[in-house]
Structure formats: C-alpha cells, structure tokens
Amino acid sequence: MDMSNGAKQGGAANPSMSHGEVKKVDTASGKLTIKHGPLENLGMDGMTMAFKVKDPTMLSQVKVGDKIDFVAEEVDGALTVTKLQKQ
C-alpha cells in the first residue's frame, strides 16, 4: 500500500536538502542541534533545534561548526535527520 502512495507522490517522497550549521552533537541522546534555514518539506521557518538522527553514525561524521546539507523528516512522531552531508 505505502509503496504505491510513494510512487504517486513523486517529489514528496524525496524531499530536497536543507542547509544548516551544527551547533551541538549529543551522542548520548542520539541528537544533533542544527541552526537551519526553512525546512520546506516540513513547513518550518528557519531556527535552531535538536533533531534525532536516523543512523547513529551520522553523529561521528560532523562536529560543532560544520556547515551541512540535510533532510529532516517526521519519523514515528519525531523530527529526524534522514540524510546528511558536510558542505
């Protein structure tokens, strides 16, 4: 069922990257605090907030001050970084 919906939605199933700066890496809670611009796929304005990460190895890929491109999505009710790459 979900697969057919994803195929019909096209672009919505693959959100575009947002830009941000890492403000905190919290390995204990599995979260990144990111100062970011608008998150169009979530209808959010730019702000600084903490996100869960889909894959804990993402936390070791970045450090405070890194500029990043990322995708945040709502996963099980929590805003979660699902894709991440350093600029």
N, C-alpha and C. Protein backbone atom coordinates (compact mmCIF):
# COMPACT_ATOMS: atom_id res chain seq x y z
N MET A 1 0.82 -1.19 0.00
CA MET A 1 0.00 0.00 0.00
C MET A 1 0.87 1.26 0.00
N ASP A 2 1.76 1.38 0.95
CA ASP A 2 2.60 2.57 1.06
C ASP A 2 3.46 2.78 -0.18
N MET A 3 3.90 1.68 -0.80
CA MET A 3 4.75 1.80 -1.98
C MET A 3 4.02 2.49 -3.13
N SER A 4 2.75 2.18 -3.33
CA SER A 4 2.01 2.82 -4.41
C SER A 4 1.81 4.31 -4.11
N ASN A 5 1.56 4.66 -2.85
CA ASN A 5 1.44 6.06 -2.49
C ASN A 5 2.73 6.81 -2.76
N GLY A 6 3.86 6.23 -2.38
CA GLY A 6 5.16 6.86 -2.60
C GLY A 6 5.41 7.08 -4.08
N ALA A 7 5.04 6.12 -4.90
CA ALA A 7 5.25 6.25 -6.34
C ALA A 7 4.39 7.36 -6.92
N LYS A 8 3.18 7.51 -6.41
CA LYS A 8 2.28 8.55 -6.92
C LYS A 8 2.73 9.95 -6.48
N GLN A 9 3.30 10.05 -5.28
CA GLN A 9 3.70 11.35 -4.75
C GLN A 9 4.93 11.90 -5.44
N GLY A 10 5.79 11.05 -5.94
CA GLY A 10 6.98 11.51 -6.64
C GLY A 10 7.89 12.32 -5.77
N GLY A 11 7.99 13.64 -6.01
CA GLY A 11 8.92 14.51 -5.31
C GLY A 11 8.71 14.54 -3.81
N ALA A 12 7.49 14.39 -3.37
CA ALA A 12 7.22 14.46 -1.93
C ALA A 12 7.89 13.32 -1.18
N ALA A 13 8.13 12.21 -1.85
CA ALA A 13 8.77 11.07 -1.20
C ALA A 13 10.29 11.28 -1.11
N ASN A 14 10.82 12.28 -1.80
CA ASN A 14 12.25 12.54 -1.80
C ASN A 14 12.49 14.04 -1.58
N PRO A 15 12.38 14.50 -0.31
CA PRO A 15 12.50 15.94 -0.05
C PRO A 15 13.87 16.49 -0.41
N SER A 16 13.91 17.78 -0.74
CA SER A 16 15.18 18.41 -1.08
C SER A 16 15.99 18.69 0.18
N MET A 17 17.28 18.87 -0.01
CA MET A 17 18.19 19.12 1.11
C MET A 17 17.98 20.53 1.65
N SER A 18 18.15 20.68 2.95
CA SER A 18 18.14 21.98 3.62
C SER A 18 19.57 22.26 4.07
N HIS A 19 19.85 23.52 4.37
CA HIS A 19 21.19 23.91 4.76
C HIS A 19 21.20 24.30 6.23
N GLY A 20 22.31 24.01 6.91
CA GLY A 20 22.40 24.36 8.32
C GLY A 20 23.81 24.32 8.84
N GLU A 21 23.93 24.64 10.12
CA GLU A 21 25.21 24.61 10.83
C GLU A 21 25.02 23.81 12.11
N VAL A 22 25.93 22.87 12.36
CA VAL A 22 25.86 22.05 13.56
C VAL A 22 26.22 22.89 14.78
N LYS A 23 25.33 22.93 15.76
CA LYS A 23 25.56 23.69 16.99
C LYS A 23 25.92 22.78 18.15
N LYS A 24 25.46 21.51 18.11
CA LYS A 24 25.75 20.57 19.19
C LYS A 24 25.61 19.15 18.65
N VAL A 25 26.51 18.28 19.10
CA VAL A 25 26.43 16.86 18.78
C VAL A 25 26.25 16.14 20.12
N ASP A 26 25.11 15.49 20.30
CA ASP A 26 24.79 14.81 21.56
C ASP A 26 24.71 13.31 21.30
N THR A 27 25.85 12.64 21.48
CA THR A 27 25.89 11.20 21.19
C THR A 27 25.06 10.40 22.20
N ALA A 28 24.96 10.90 23.43
CA ALA A 28 24.21 10.17 24.46
C ALA A 28 22.72 10.05 24.10
N SER A 29 22.16 11.12 23.56
CA SER A 29 20.74 11.08 23.21
C SER A 29 20.50 10.82 21.72
N GLY A 30 21.58 10.75 20.93
CA GLY A 30 21.44 10.49 19.50
C GLY A 30 20.83 11.66 18.75
N LYS A 31 21.23 12.89 19.14
CA LYS A 31 20.64 14.08 18.52
C LYS A 31 21.71 15.06 18.04
N LEU A 32 21.33 15.80 17.01
CA LEU A 32 22.11 16.92 16.50
C LEU A 32 21.30 18.19 16.69
N THR A 33 21.93 19.24 17.22
CA THR A 33 21.29 20.55 17.26
C THR A 33 21.81 21.31 16.05
N ILE A 34 20.88 21.78 15.22
CA ILE A 34 21.22 22.41 13.94
C ILE A 34 20.55 23.77 13.85
N LYS A 35 21.34 24.79 13.49
CA LYS A 35 20.78 26.10 13.13
C LYS A 35 20.53 26.01 11.63
N HIS A 36 19.26 26.11 11.23
CA HIS A 36 18.91 25.84 9.84
C HIS A 36 18.01 26.91 9.25
N GLY A 37 17.98 26.94 7.94
CA GLY A 37 17.05 27.77 7.22
C GLY A 37 15.71 27.07 7.15
N PRO A 38 14.79 27.59 6.32
CA PRO A 38 13.47 26.98 6.20
C PRO A 38 13.53 25.50 5.79
N LEU A 39 12.68 24.70 6.40
CA LEU A 39 12.54 23.29 6.03
C LEU A 39 11.24 23.19 5.26
N GLU A 40 11.32 23.34 3.95
CA GLU A 40 10.12 23.43 3.12
C GLU A 40 9.26 22.19 3.20
N ASN A 41 9.88 21.00 3.25
CA ASN A 41 9.08 19.77 3.28
C ASN A 41 8.29 19.62 4.58
N LEU A 42 8.71 20.34 5.65
CA LEU A 42 8.00 20.27 6.92
C LEU A 42 7.21 21.54 7.22
N GLY A 43 7.31 22.54 6.32
CA GLY A 43 6.60 23.79 6.51
C GLY A 43 7.11 24.58 7.71
N MET A 44 8.41 24.49 7.98
CA MET A 44 9.01 25.17 9.14
C MET A 44 9.90 26.32 8.71
N ASP A 45 9.87 27.39 9.50
CA ASP A 45 10.79 28.51 9.28
C ASP A 45 12.17 28.14 9.81
N GLY A 46 13.15 28.97 9.47
CA GLY A 46 14.50 28.77 9.99
C GLY A 46 14.55 28.97 11.49
N MET A 47 15.34 28.16 12.17
CA MET A 47 15.51 28.23 13.63
C MET A 47 16.65 27.32 14.04
N THR A 48 16.91 27.26 15.32
CA THR A 48 17.88 26.31 15.87
C THR A 48 17.12 25.31 16.71
N MET A 49 17.31 24.03 16.39
CA MET A 49 16.60 22.99 17.14
C MET A 49 17.34 21.67 17.08
N ALA A 50 16.96 20.77 17.98
CA ALA A 50 17.56 19.44 18.04
C ALA A 50 16.75 18.45 17.21
N PHE A 51 17.46 17.59 16.51
CA PHE A 51 16.85 16.55 15.70
C PHE A 51 17.44 15.20 16.10
N LYS A 52 16.62 14.16 16.11
CA LYS A 52 17.13 12.80 16.19
C LYS A 52 17.86 12.51 14.88
N VAL A 53 18.69 11.48 14.87
CA VAL A 53 19.32 11.05 13.63
C VAL A 53 18.87 9.63 13.32
N LYS A 54 18.63 9.38 12.03
CA LYS A 54 18.16 8.05 11.61
C LYS A 54 19.25 7.00 11.85
N ASP A 55 20.50 7.40 11.58
CA ASP A 55 21.63 6.49 11.71
C ASP A 55 22.64 7.08 12.69
N PRO A 56 22.92 6.42 13.81
CA PRO A 56 23.84 6.97 14.81
C PRO A 56 25.24 7.30 14.26
N THR A 57 25.64 6.68 13.17
CA THR A 57 26.97 7.00 12.61
C THR A 57 27.02 8.43 12.07
N MET A 58 25.86 9.04 11.82
CA MET A 58 25.83 10.44 11.38
C MET A 58 26.49 11.36 12.41
N LEU A 59 26.36 11.01 13.69
CA LEU A 59 26.89 11.84 14.75
C LEU A 59 28.41 11.94 14.69
N SER A 60 29.06 10.90 14.22
CA SER A 60 30.53 10.92 14.15
C SER A 60 31.04 11.56 12.86
N GLN A 61 30.14 11.87 11.94
CA GLN A 61 30.54 12.47 10.66
C GLN A 61 30.68 13.99 10.74
N VAL A 62 30.15 14.60 11.80
CA VAL A 62 30.15 16.06 11.90
C VAL A 62 30.63 16.51 13.28
N LYS A 63 31.01 17.79 13.35
CA LYS A 63 31.39 18.39 14.62
C LYS A 63 30.77 19.79 14.69
N VAL A 64 30.77 20.39 15.86
CA VAL A 64 30.21 21.73 16.05
C VAL A 64 30.90 22.70 15.10
N GLY A 65 30.09 23.50 14.42
CA GLY A 65 30.60 24.49 13.47
C GLY A 65 30.57 24.03 12.03
N ASP A 66 30.39 22.73 11.79
CA ASP A 66 30.33 22.22 10.41
C ASP A 66 29.09 22.75 9.70
N LYS A 67 29.27 23.14 8.46
CA LYS A 67 28.14 23.50 7.59
C LYS A 67 27.69 22.21 6.92
N ILE A 68 26.38 21.99 6.93
CA ILE A 68 25.84 20.74 6.40
C ILE A 68 24.65 20.98 5.49
N ASP A 69 24.39 19.98 4.65
CA ASP A 69 23.15 19.85 3.90
C ASP A 69 22.47 18.62 4.50
N PHE A 70 21.16 18.72 4.74
CA PHE A 70 20.49 17.60 5.38
C PHE A 70 19.02 17.54 4.97
N VAL A 71 18.43 16.39 5.21
CA VAL A 71 16.99 16.21 5.05
C VAL A 71 16.44 15.81 6.40
N ALA A 72 15.44 16.55 6.87
CA ALA A 72 14.74 16.20 8.11
C ALA A 72 13.31 15.80 7.75
N GLU A 73 12.86 14.73 8.36
CA GLU A 73 11.51 14.24 8.13
C GLU A 73 10.91 13.83 9.47
N GLU A 74 9.59 13.74 9.52
CA GLU A 74 8.94 13.24 10.73
C GLU A 74 8.93 11.72 10.66
N VAL A 75 9.59 11.09 11.64
CA VAL A 75 9.68 9.63 11.71
C VAL A 75 9.16 9.21 13.08
N ASP A 76 8.09 8.44 13.11
CA ASP A 76 7.48 7.99 14.36
C ASP A 76 7.22 9.14 15.32
N GLY A 77 6.76 10.28 14.78
CA GLY A 77 6.40 11.43 15.60
C GLY A 77 7.55 12.32 16.03
N ALA A 78 8.78 12.00 15.59
CA ALA A 78 9.94 12.82 15.97
C ALA A 78 10.62 13.37 14.72
N LEU A 79 11.03 14.63 14.78
CA LEU A 79 11.78 15.20 13.67
C LEU A 79 13.16 14.55 13.64
N THR A 80 13.49 13.96 12.49
CA THR A 80 14.67 13.11 12.37
C THR A 80 15.46 13.47 11.12
N VAL A 81 16.79 13.58 11.27
CA VAL A 81 17.66 13.77 10.12
C VAL A 81 17.81 12.41 9.43
N THR A 82 17.35 12.34 8.17
CA THR A 82 17.40 11.08 7.44
C THR A 82 18.54 11.03 6.43
N LYS A 83 19.04 12.20 6.03
CA LYS A 83 20.20 12.29 5.13
C LYS A 83 21.06 13.43 5.61
N LEU A 84 22.39 13.26 5.48
CA LEU A 84 23.31 14.28 5.98
C LEU A 84 24.59 14.26 5.16
N GLN A 85 25.05 15.45 4.78
CA GLN A 85 26.37 15.55 4.16
C GLN A 85 26.99 16.89 4.49
N LYS A 86 28.32 16.85 4.72
CA LYS A 86 29.03 18.09 5.00
C LYS A 86 29.17 18.89 3.71
N GLN A 87 29.17 20.23 3.85
CA GLN A 87 29.34 21.09 2.69
C GLN A 87 30.81 21.21 2.35
